[in-house]
């Protein structure tokens, strides 16, 4: 696919998700894809190297979370890696403060470069182990994609969750069984409809009981 076709694929996926983005935000999403492909040659940030697959499995997958983020949220993306969903949320939700956290120096360097190149003033990059992170303010939404099983996710991050905050964990279908291991939290599952993706994706919402 050429660049125009890839952009059309992204725009169509955004439309299917019921989202609206500005021309500037679309340009940032495309630029993020290009930076990721460029850095991936050296840093091996993702096993996906085909631009079409990257748009579907990373950009559109990350965009599927946007509608579930409250307007006044303070969001932490744990184990952000290459920045999904954190960077994507920062692009589309420009009024929301997003923190991306990863203990890997190379990945954090990449995330900092994305912040600079895309001019994401609402994005905060933290290179630390999550259990030793102490922010100035707690987070109302803590999210992750393929960071850890749900019980360990809560165990490592509960000190970062605001009193009335919630977890939004992005999971594949096999992650649904992990809800059985959770105590002290009310869990609900939401199926995410990711355009062009054959595999099922779910959002596990967890709030203190």
Protein backbone atom coordinates (compact mmCIF):
# COMPACT_ATOMS: atom_id res chain seq x y z
CA UNK A 1 0.00 0.00 0.00
CA UNK A 2 1.22 3.50 -0.77
CA UNK A 3 1.11 6.40 1.71
CA UNK A 4 -2.25 7.68 0.46
CA UNK A 5 -3.85 4.25 0.78
CA UNK A 6 -2.42 3.84 4.29
CA UNK A 7 -3.83 7.23 5.28
CA UNK A 8 -7.23 6.29 3.83
CA UNK A 9 -7.15 3.05 5.83
CA UNK A 10 -6.45 5.00 9.02
CA UNK A 11 -9.17 7.57 8.30
CA UNK A 12 -11.72 4.85 7.55
CA UNK A 13 -10.81 3.04 10.76
CA UNK A 14 -11.19 6.26 12.76
CA UNK A 15 -14.62 6.77 11.20
CA UNK A 16 -15.67 3.19 12.04
CA UNK A 17 -14.66 3.84 15.65
CA UNK A 18 -16.99 6.85 15.72
CA UNK A 19 -14.13 9.25 16.41
CA UNK A 20 -13.38 12.66 14.96
CA UNK A 21 -9.83 13.91 14.63
CA UNK A 22 -8.48 17.18 13.30
CA UNK A 23 -6.21 17.38 10.27
CA UNK A 24 -3.35 18.15 12.66
CA UNK A 25 -4.09 15.08 14.80
CA UNK A 26 -4.28 12.86 11.71
CA UNK A 27 -0.90 14.21 10.63
CA UNK A 28 0.50 13.40 14.09
CA UNK A 29 -0.86 9.84 13.97
CA UNK A 30 0.76 9.27 10.56
CA UNK A 31 4.01 10.82 11.81
CA UNK A 32 3.93 8.56 14.88
CA UNK A 33 3.61 5.54 12.59
CA UNK A 34 6.59 6.76 10.55
CA UNK A 35 8.76 7.42 13.64
CA UNK A 36 7.90 3.97 14.98
CA UNK A 37 8.87 2.27 11.71
CA UNK A 38 12.11 4.28 11.57
CA UNK A 39 13.19 3.55 15.15
CA UNK A 40 12.05 -0.06 14.96
CA UNK A 41 14.89 -0.87 12.55
CA UNK A 42 17.38 -0.25 15.36
CA UNK A 43 15.44 -0.65 18.61
CA UNK A 44 13.10 -3.58 17.78
CA UNK A 45 10.09 -1.92 19.42
CA UNK A 46 7.53 -4.17 17.70
CA UNK A 47 7.54 -7.40 15.72
CA UNK A 48 5.12 -5.79 13.28
CA UNK A 49 7.01 -4.17 10.40
CA UNK A 50 4.30 -4.03 7.72
CA UNK A 51 2.83 -0.48 7.71
CA UNK A 52 -0.74 -1.69 7.09
CA UNK A 53 -0.58 -4.19 9.95
CA UNK A 54 0.98 -1.55 12.19
CA UNK A 55 -1.90 0.83 11.56
CA UNK A 56 -4.46 -1.87 12.36
CA UNK A 57 -2.78 -3.66 15.27
CA UNK A 58 -1.28 -0.61 16.97
CA UNK A 59 -2.90 2.67 15.88
CA UNK A 60 -6.50 1.52 15.48
CA UNK A 61 -6.17 -0.81 18.47
CA UNK A 62 -5.00 2.12 20.59
CA UNK A 63 -7.67 4.42 19.18
CA UNK A 64 -10.37 1.95 20.29
CA UNK A 65 -9.71 3.09 23.88
CA UNK A 66 -10.29 6.82 23.23
CA UNK A 67 -14.07 6.80 23.70
CA UNK A 68 -13.68 5.24 27.16
CA UNK A 69 -11.46 7.98 28.63
CA UNK A 70 -13.32 10.68 30.65
CA UNK A 71 -12.66 14.28 29.61
CA UNK A 72 -11.18 15.23 33.00
CA UNK A 73 -9.00 12.13 33.40
CA UNK A 74 -5.39 11.94 34.52
CA UNK A 75 -4.12 8.87 32.67
CA UNK A 76 -1.18 6.55 33.35
CA UNK A 77 -0.15 4.03 30.69
CA UNK A 78 1.93 1.36 32.45
CA UNK A 79 4.59 -0.56 30.53
CA UNK A 80 3.91 1.71 27.59
CA UNK A 81 6.71 0.30 25.44
CA UNK A 82 6.33 1.90 22.02
CA UNK A 83 3.50 4.10 23.28
CA UNK A 84 0.26 2.20 22.73
CA UNK A 85 -2.16 3.36 23.94
CA UNK A 86 -0.50 6.31 25.73
CA UNK A 87 0.94 8.23 22.78
CA UNK A 88 -2.23 7.74 20.76
CA UNK A 89 -4.36 9.04 23.64
CA UNK A 90 -2.07 12.07 23.96
CA UNK A 91 -2.48 12.86 20.26
CA UNK A 92 -6.27 12.57 20.11
CA UNK A 93 -7.11 13.79 23.63
CA UNK A 94 -4.99 16.94 23.62
CA UNK A 95 -6.67 18.35 26.76
CA UNK A 96 -6.00 15.22 28.83
CA UNK A 97 -2.74 14.75 30.76
CA UNK A 98 -1.15 11.42 29.79
CA UNK A 99 1.83 9.80 31.51
CA UNK A 100 3.61 6.92 29.79
CA UNK A 101 5.79 4.79 32.06
CA UNK A 102 8.35 2.18 31.09
CA UNK A 103 11.44 0.90 32.91
CA UNK A 104 13.31 0.22 29.65
CA UNK A 105 15.73 3.04 28.81
CA UNK A 106 15.60 2.52 25.04
CA UNK A 107 11.81 2.52 24.98
CA UNK A 108 11.65 5.61 27.21
CA UNK A 109 14.14 7.38 24.94
CA UNK A 110 11.90 6.55 21.98
CA UNK A 111 8.83 7.86 23.81
CA UNK A 112 10.65 11.09 24.68
CA UNK A 113 11.62 11.51 21.01
CA UNK A 114 7.99 11.00 19.95
CA UNK A 115 6.91 13.66 22.48
CA UNK A 116 9.44 16.12 21.02
CA UNK A 117 8.84 15.40 17.34
CA UNK A 118 5.05 15.52 17.65
CA UNK A 119 4.99 18.46 20.08
CA UNK A 120 2.88 16.58 22.65
CA UNK A 121 2.86 19.00 25.59
CA UNK A 122 0.27 16.87 27.43
CA UNK A 123 2.54 13.79 27.39
CA UNK A 124 4.83 13.01 30.34
CA UNK A 125 7.47 10.30 29.89
CA UNK A 126 8.70 8.44 33.00
CA UNK A 127 11.49 5.85 32.97
CA UNK A 128 11.05 3.90 36.21
CA UNK A 129 9.84 0.62 37.59
CA UNK A 130 6.16 1.12 38.34
CA UNK A 131 6.37 -0.12 41.93
CA UNK A 132 8.92 2.61 42.80
CA UNK A 133 7.11 5.46 41.01
CA UNK A 134 5.67 8.19 43.27
CA UNK A 135 3.89 10.91 41.25
CA UNK A 136 2.86 14.34 42.53
CA UNK A 137 -0.80 13.48 41.92
CA UNK A 138 -2.57 10.14 41.69
CA UNK A 139 -4.18 8.97 38.46
CA UNK A 140 -7.90 8.67 37.77
CA UNK A 141 -7.33 6.14 34.96
CA UNK A 142 -4.56 3.55 34.81
CA UNK A 143 -4.32 1.57 31.60
CA UNK A 144 -2.02 -0.97 30.01
CA UNK A 145 -1.81 -3.26 27.04
CA UNK A 146 -0.15 -6.64 27.59
CA UNK A 147 1.74 -5.44 30.68
CA UNK A 148 0.86 -8.17 33.20
CA UNK A 149 -2.04 -10.34 34.32
CA UNK A 150 -4.78 -8.34 36.04
CA UNK A 151 -3.99 -9.36 39.63
CA UNK A 152 -0.31 -8.43 39.28
CA UNK A 153 -1.26 -5.24 37.42
CA UNK A 154 -3.33 -4.10 40.42
CA UNK A 155 -0.71 -5.25 42.92
CA UNK A 156 2.03 -3.19 41.27
CA UNK A 157 0.00 -0.04 40.63
CA UNK A 158 -2.71 0.38 43.28
CA UNK A 159 -0.60 2.98 45.10
CA UNK A 160 -0.94 5.16 41.98
CA UNK A 161 -4.74 4.97 41.63
CA UNK A 162 -6.86 7.86 42.90
CA UNK A 163 -9.63 7.04 45.38
CA UNK A 164 -12.40 7.05 42.78
CA UNK A 165 -10.16 6.03 39.90
CA UNK A 166 -10.44 2.98 37.66
CA UNK A 167 -8.33 0.57 35.69
CA UNK A 168 -8.85 0.12 31.96
CA UNK A 169 -6.81 -2.91 30.91
CA UNK A 170 -6.63 -3.78 27.21
CA UNK A 171 -6.73 -7.55 26.78
CA UNK A 172 -7.06 -10.24 24.17
CA UNK A 173 -9.78 -12.86 24.67
CA UNK A 174 -7.58 -15.12 26.81
CA UNK A 175 -7.24 -12.30 29.35
CA UNK A 176 -10.91 -12.56 30.35
CA UNK A 177 -10.21 -15.53 32.63
CA UNK A 178 -7.90 -13.33 34.72
CA UNK A 179 -10.92 -11.51 36.16
CA UNK A 180 -11.64 -14.56 38.34
CA UNK A 181 -8.46 -13.88 40.31
CA UNK A 182 -9.44 -10.31 41.26
CA UNK A 183 -10.68 -9.45 44.76
CA UNK A 184 -11.63 -6.06 46.16
CA UNK A 185 -12.50 -4.69 42.73
CA UNK A 186 -15.64 -4.76 40.63
CA UNK A 187 -14.79 -5.94 37.12
CA UNK A 188 -16.66 -5.52 33.86
CA UNK A 189 -15.68 -6.37 30.32
CA UNK A 190 -16.27 -4.31 27.20
CA UNK A 191 -15.65 -5.75 23.75
CA UNK A 192 -13.65 -3.37 21.61
CA UNK A 193 -14.44 -3.33 17.91
CA UNK A 194 -11.10 -2.69 16.23
CA UNK A 195 -11.60 -2.07 12.50
CA UNK A 196 -9.97 -4.63 10.16
CA UNK A 197 -8.72 -6.74 13.08
CA UNK A 198 -9.79 -10.39 13.05
CA UNK A 199 -8.84 -11.11 16.67
CA UNK A 200 -11.13 -10.08 19.51
CA UNK A 201 -10.09 -7.28 21.86
CA UNK A 202 -11.55 -6.45 25.26
CA UNK A 203 -11.34 -3.66 27.79
CA UNK A 204 -11.44 -4.79 31.42
CA UNK A 205 -12.72 -2.01 33.66
CA UNK A 206 -11.91 -2.42 37.35
CA UNK A 207 -13.11 -0.16 40.17
CA UNK A 208 -12.61 -0.54 43.90
CA UNK A 209 -15.57 -2.38 45.42
